[in-house]
Amino acid sequence: MSLLPLFKWLGEMPVGMFMQQSAYAFEIAEMFHLLALSALGGTILMVNLTVLGFGFRGHSASQLAQELKPYLLGSLAVMLTSGVLLLAGEPLKCYYNAAFRLKMLFLALALVFYFGIQRRLFHAQPAVLAKVAGVVSLTLWLAVGLAGRAIGVI
């Protein structure tokens, strides 16, 4: 099943037309996307470094994750919203771009891993499981960022 009709539809929607025709809308959406990615990356990095023993010594990883949850969820919401706006501005470029597909794959894996697996492993025994989960999480989020950067290059 091809997603091409969905991408074309998004580009033809009023928001897509606005993003394509506006002189500054794409750049503004990209600015919010990158700021949200930075905030999200910071929260993920702080939690995972704590899991690996390099972060906040006075906090457990689960406690820190709970305290940072509003920032993580807020930045994730802004990142996903601005990402849809960016996609609406260049739907066919994204559809045919291998880096975009990789980014979406890594993003899906990172989200499923963090919300479905990693949070359950903060108190895992042996502790090495939590550390492996921290490394996997950091690797997935790094892959999201690198693939996102590659979208403009490829």
C-alpha atoms as a PDB file:
ATOM      1  CA  MET A   1       0.000   0.000   0.000  1.00  0.00           C
ATOM      2  CA  SER A   2       1.430   3.336  -1.046  1.00  0.00           C
ATOM      3  CA  LEU A   3       1.259   6.392   1.194  1.00  0.00           C
ATOM      4  CA  LEU A   4       1.701   8.714  -1.786  1.00  0.00           C
ATOM      5  CA  PRO A   5      -2.002   9.723  -1.897  1.00  0.00           C
ATOM      6  CA  LEU A   6      -1.821  10.685   1.785  1.00  0.00           C
ATOM      7  CA  PHE A   7       1.282  12.819   1.193  1.00  0.00           C
ATOM      8  CA  LYS A   8      -0.320  14.493  -1.842  1.00  0.00           C
ATOM      9  CA  TRP A   9      -3.497  15.136   0.150  1.00  0.00           C
ATOM     10  CA  LEU A  10      -1.507  16.749   2.972  1.00  0.00           C
ATOM     11  CA  GLY A  11       0.223  19.047   0.489  1.00  0.00           C
ATOM     12  CA  GLU A  12      -3.120  20.048  -1.046  1.00  0.00           C
ATOM     13  CA  MET A  13      -4.793  20.814   2.283  1.00  0.00           C
ATOM     14  CA  PRO A  14      -5.052  24.502   3.261  1.00  0.00           C
ATOM     15  CA  VAL A  15      -2.244  24.075   5.800  1.00  0.00           C
ATOM     16  CA  GLY A  16      -0.056  22.506   3.115  1.00  0.00           C
ATOM     17  CA  MET A  17      -0.786  25.280   0.660  1.00  0.00           C
ATOM     18  CA  PHE A  18      -0.052  27.876   3.344  1.00  0.00           C
ATOM     19  CA  MET A  19       3.250  26.213   4.258  1.00  0.00           C
ATOM     20  CA  GLN A  20       4.270  26.079   0.590  1.00  0.00           C
ATOM     21  CA  GLN A  21       3.274  29.628  -0.300  1.00  0.00           C
ATOM     22  CA  SER A  22       4.278  31.552   2.809  1.00  0.00           C
ATOM     23  CA  ALA A  23       7.617  33.328   2.790  1.00  0.00           C
ATOM     24  CA  TYR A  24       8.410  32.471   6.427  1.00  0.00           C
ATOM     25  CA  ALA A  25       6.056  29.718   7.649  1.00  0.00           C
ATOM     26  CA  PHE A  26       8.412  26.853   6.836  1.00  0.00           C
ATOM     27  CA  GLU A  27      11.348  28.529   8.576  1.00  0.00           C
ATOM     28  CA  ILE A  28       9.270  29.345  11.657  1.00  0.00           C
ATOM     29  CA  ALA A  29       7.958  25.777  11.865  1.00  0.00           C
ATOM     30  CA  GLU A  30      11.507  24.497  11.461  1.00  0.00           C
ATOM     31  CA  MET A  31      12.689  26.769  14.275  1.00  0.00           C
ATOM     32  CA  PHE A  32      10.036  25.378  16.628  1.00  0.00           C
ATOM     33  CA  HIS A  33      10.854  21.848  15.461  1.00  0.00           C
ATOM     34  CA  LEU A  34      14.538  22.260  16.274  1.00  0.00           C
ATOM     35  CA  LEU A  35      13.875  23.976  19.614  1.00  0.00           C
ATOM     36  CA  ALA A  36      11.509  21.181  20.620  1.00  0.00           C
ATOM     37  CA  LEU A  37      14.013  18.586  19.452  1.00  0.00           C
ATOM     38  CA  SER A  38      16.635  20.239  21.643  1.00  0.00           C
ATOM     39  CA  ALA A  39      14.346  20.191  24.680  1.00  0.00           C
ATOM     40  CA  LEU A  40      13.310  16.596  24.010  1.00  0.00           C
ATOM     41  CA  GLY A  41      16.911  15.568  23.455  1.00  0.00           C
ATOM     42  CA  GLY A  42      17.926  17.264  26.691  1.00  0.00           C
ATOM     43  CA  THR A  43      15.338  15.405  28.737  1.00  0.00           C
ATOM     44  CA  ILE A  44      16.182  12.079  27.101  1.00  0.00           C
ATOM     45  CA  LEU A  45      19.903  12.721  27.574  1.00  0.00           C
ATOM     46  CA  MET A  46      19.552  13.649  31.259  1.00  0.00           C
ATOM     47  CA  VAL A  47      17.477  10.555  32.046  1.00  0.00           C
ATOM     48  CA  ASN A  48      19.733   8.189  30.101  1.00  0.00           C
ATOM     49  CA  LEU A  49      22.938   9.632  31.528  1.00  0.00           C
ATOM     50  CA  THR A  50      21.454   9.132  34.987  1.00  0.00           C
ATOM     51  CA  VAL A  51      20.678   5.512  34.100  1.00  0.00           C
ATOM     52  CA  LEU A  52      24.283   5.104  32.957  1.00  0.00           C
ATOM     53  CA  GLY A  53      25.609   6.633  36.182  1.00  0.00           C
ATOM     54  CA  PHE A  54      26.782   9.956  34.725  1.00  0.00           C
ATOM     55  CA  GLY A  55      23.799  12.113  35.557  1.00  0.00           C
ATOM     56  CA  PHE A  56      22.186  13.451  38.685  1.00  0.00           C
ATOM     57  CA  ARG A  57      23.524  11.473  41.628  1.00  0.00           C
ATOM     58  CA  GLY A  58      20.755  12.558  43.988  1.00  0.00           C
ATOM     59  CA  HIS A  59      17.954  11.293  41.766  1.00  0.00           C
ATOM     60  CA  SER A  60      16.978   7.890  40.496  1.00  0.00           C
ATOM     61  CA  ALA A  61      16.350   7.645  36.757  1.00  0.00           C
ATOM     62  CA  SER A  62      12.657   6.958  37.309  1.00  0.00           C
ATOM     63  CA  GLN A  63      12.345   9.953  39.663  1.00  0.00           C
ATOM     64  CA  LEU A  64      14.132  12.208  37.174  1.00  0.00           C
ATOM     65  CA  ALA A  65      12.009  10.874  34.303  1.00  0.00           C
ATOM     66  CA  GLN A  66       8.874  11.644  36.307  1.00  0.00           C
ATOM     67  CA  GLU A  67      10.056  15.184  37.070  1.00  0.00           C
ATOM     68  CA  LEU A  68      10.977  15.818  33.418  1.00  0.00           C
ATOM     69  CA  LYS A  69       7.831  14.205  32.009  1.00  0.00           C
ATOM     70  CA  PRO A  70       5.980  17.516  31.373  1.00  0.00           C
ATOM     71  CA  TYR A  71       8.977  18.846  29.424  1.00  0.00           C
ATOM     72  CA  LEU A  72       9.353  15.605  27.496  1.00  0.00           C
ATOM     73  CA  LEU A  73       5.671  15.432  26.573  1.00  0.00           C
ATOM     74  CA  GLY A  74       5.431  19.154  25.786  1.00  0.00           C
ATOM     75  CA  SER A  75       8.495  19.156  23.574  1.00  0.00           C
ATOM     76  CA  LEU A  76       7.327  15.950  21.899  1.00  0.00           C
ATOM     77  CA  ALA A  77       3.946  17.563  21.139  1.00  0.00           C
ATOM     78  CA  VAL A  78       5.604  20.659  19.651  1.00  0.00           C
ATOM     79  CA  MET A  79       8.070  18.528  17.691  1.00  0.00           C
ATOM     80  CA  LEU A  80       5.341  16.315  16.209  1.00  0.00           C
ATOM     81  CA  THR A  81       3.063  19.282  15.399  1.00  0.00           C
ATOM     82  CA  SER A  82       5.834  21.273  13.756  1.00  0.00           C
ATOM     83  CA  GLY A  83       6.996  18.114  11.975  1.00  0.00           C
ATOM     84  CA  VAL A  84       3.566  17.709  10.374  1.00  0.00           C
ATOM     85  CA  LEU A  85       3.705  21.353   9.286  1.00  0.00           C
ATOM     86  CA  LEU A  86       7.146  20.797   7.744  1.00  0.00           C
ATOM     87  CA  LEU A  87       5.870  17.669   6.012  1.00  0.00           C
ATOM     88  CA  ALA A  88       2.889  19.631   4.654  1.00  0.00           C
ATOM     89  CA  GLY A  89       5.329  22.150   3.208  1.00  0.00           C
ATOM     90  CA  GLU A  90       7.339  19.528   1.309  1.00  0.00           C
ATOM     91  CA  PRO A  91       5.208  16.394   1.061  1.00  0.00           C
ATOM     92  CA  LEU A  92       6.593  14.937  -2.155  1.00  0.00           C
ATOM     93  CA  LYS A  93      10.193  15.721  -1.253  1.00  0.00           C
ATOM     94  CA  CYS A  94       9.685  13.837   2.017  1.00  0.00           C
ATOM     95  CA  TYR A  95       7.831  10.948   0.390  1.00  0.00           C
ATOM     96  CA  TYR A  96      10.693  10.249  -2.005  1.00  0.00           C
ATOM     97  CA  ASN A  97      13.447  10.946   0.538  1.00  0.00           C
ATOM     98  CA  ALA A  98      15.091   7.838   2.041  1.00  0.00           C
ATOM     99  CA  ALA A  99      16.385   9.849   5.016  1.00  0.00           C
ATOM    100  CA  PHE A 100      12.826  10.933   5.873  1.00  0.00           C
ATOM    101  CA  ARG A 101      11.704   7.299   5.891  1.00  0.00           C
ATOM    102  CA  LEU A 102      14.635   6.370   8.119  1.00  0.00           C
ATOM    103  CA  LYS A 103      13.822   9.236  10.469  1.00  0.00           C
ATOM    104  CA  MET A 104      10.213   8.104  10.774  1.00  0.00           C
ATOM    105  CA  LEU A 105      11.333   4.514  11.394  1.00  0.00           C
ATOM    106  CA  PHE A 106      13.820   5.547  14.082  1.00  0.00           C
ATOM    107  CA  LEU A 107      11.302   7.942  15.628  1.00  0.00           C
ATOM    108  CA  ALA A 108       8.695   5.188  15.881  1.00  0.00           C
ATOM    109  CA  LEU A 109      11.265   2.793  17.360  1.00  0.00           C
ATOM    110  CA  ALA A 110      12.527   5.412  19.838  1.00  0.00           C
ATOM    111  CA  LEU A 111       9.004   6.264  21.011  1.00  0.00           C
ATOM    112  CA  VAL A 112       7.940   2.632  21.362  1.00  0.00           C
ATOM    113  CA  PHE A 113      11.183   1.793  23.136  1.00  0.00           C
ATOM    114  CA  TYR A 114      10.994   4.704  25.576  1.00  0.00           C
ATOM    115  CA  PHE A 115       7.293   4.557  26.412  1.00  0.00           C
ATOM    116  CA  GLY A 116       6.850   0.811  26.048  1.00  0.00           C
ATOM    117  CA  ILE A 117      10.070  -0.738  27.305  1.00  0.00           C
ATOM    118  CA  GLN A 118      12.680   1.559  28.809  1.00  0.00           C
ATOM    119  CA  ARG A 119      10.579   3.113  31.570  1.00  0.00           C
ATOM    120  CA  ARG A 120       9.895  -0.386  32.891  1.00  0.00           C
ATOM    121  CA  LEU A 121      13.628  -1.103  33.043  1.00  0.00           C
ATOM    122  CA  PHE A 122      14.689   1.828  35.256  1.00  0.00           C
ATOM    123  CA  HIS A 123      14.732  -0.496  38.278  1.00  0.00           C
ATOM    124  CA  ALA A 124      15.695  -3.628  36.355  1.00  0.00           C
ATOM    125  CA  GLN A 125      17.747  -6.310  38.013  1.00  0.00           C
ATOM    126  CA  PRO A 126      20.461  -6.835  37.085  1.00  0.00           C
ATOM    127  CA  ALA A 127      21.192  -3.114  36.653  1.00  0.00           C
ATOM    128  CA  VAL A 128      22.993  -3.859  33.405  1.00  0.00           C
ATOM    129  CA  LEU A 129      19.575  -4.190  31.718  1.00  0.00           C
ATOM    130  CA  ALA A 130      18.763  -0.578  32.581  1.00  0.00           C
ATOM    131  CA  LYS A 131      22.171   0.519  31.291  1.00  0.00           C
ATOM    132  CA  VAL A 132      21.708  -1.384  28.016  1.00  0.00           C
ATOM    133  CA  ALA A 133      18.276   0.231  27.660  1.00  0.00           C
ATOM    134  CA  GLY A 134      19.893   3.643  28.211  1.00  0.00           C
ATOM    135  CA  VAL A 135      22.444   3.011  25.464  1.00  0.00           C
ATOM    136  CA  VAL A 136      19.754   1.711  23.088  1.00  0.00           C
ATOM    137  CA  SER A 137      17.594   4.765  23.789  1.00  0.00           C
ATOM    138  CA  LEU A 138      20.449   7.200  23.196  1.00  0.00           C
ATOM    139  CA  THR A 139      21.357   5.388  19.990  1.00  0.00           C
ATOM    140  CA  LEU A 140      17.790   5.505  18.661  1.00  0.00           C
ATOM    141  CA  TRP A 141      17.383   9.220  19.418  1.00  0.00           C
ATOM    142  CA  LEU A 142      20.770   9.976  17.865  1.00  0.00           C
ATOM    143  CA  ALA A 143      19.642   8.094  14.760  1.00  0.00           C
ATOM    144  CA  VAL A 144      16.450  10.211  14.647  1.00  0.00           C
ATOM    145  CA  GLY A 145      18.514  13.390  14.734  1.00  0.00           C
ATOM    146  CA  LEU A 146      21.063  12.231  12.165  1.00  0.00           C
ATOM    147  CA  ALA A 147      18.389  11.000   9.765  1.00  0.00           C
ATOM    148  CA  GLY A 148      16.518  14.284  10.211  1.00  0.00           C
ATOM    149  CA  ARG A 149      19.663  16.210   9.370  1.00  0.00           C
ATOM    150  CA  ALA A 150      20.176  14.031   6.308  1.00  0.00           C
ATOM    151  CA  ILE A 151      16.747  14.964   4.927  1.00  0.00           C
ATOM    152  CA  GLY A 152      18.071  18.323   3.749  1.00  0.00           C
ATOM    153  CA  VAL A 153      21.233  16.803   2.320  1.00  0.00           C
ATOM    154  CA  ILE A 154      19.904  13.820   0.379  1.00  0.00           C
END
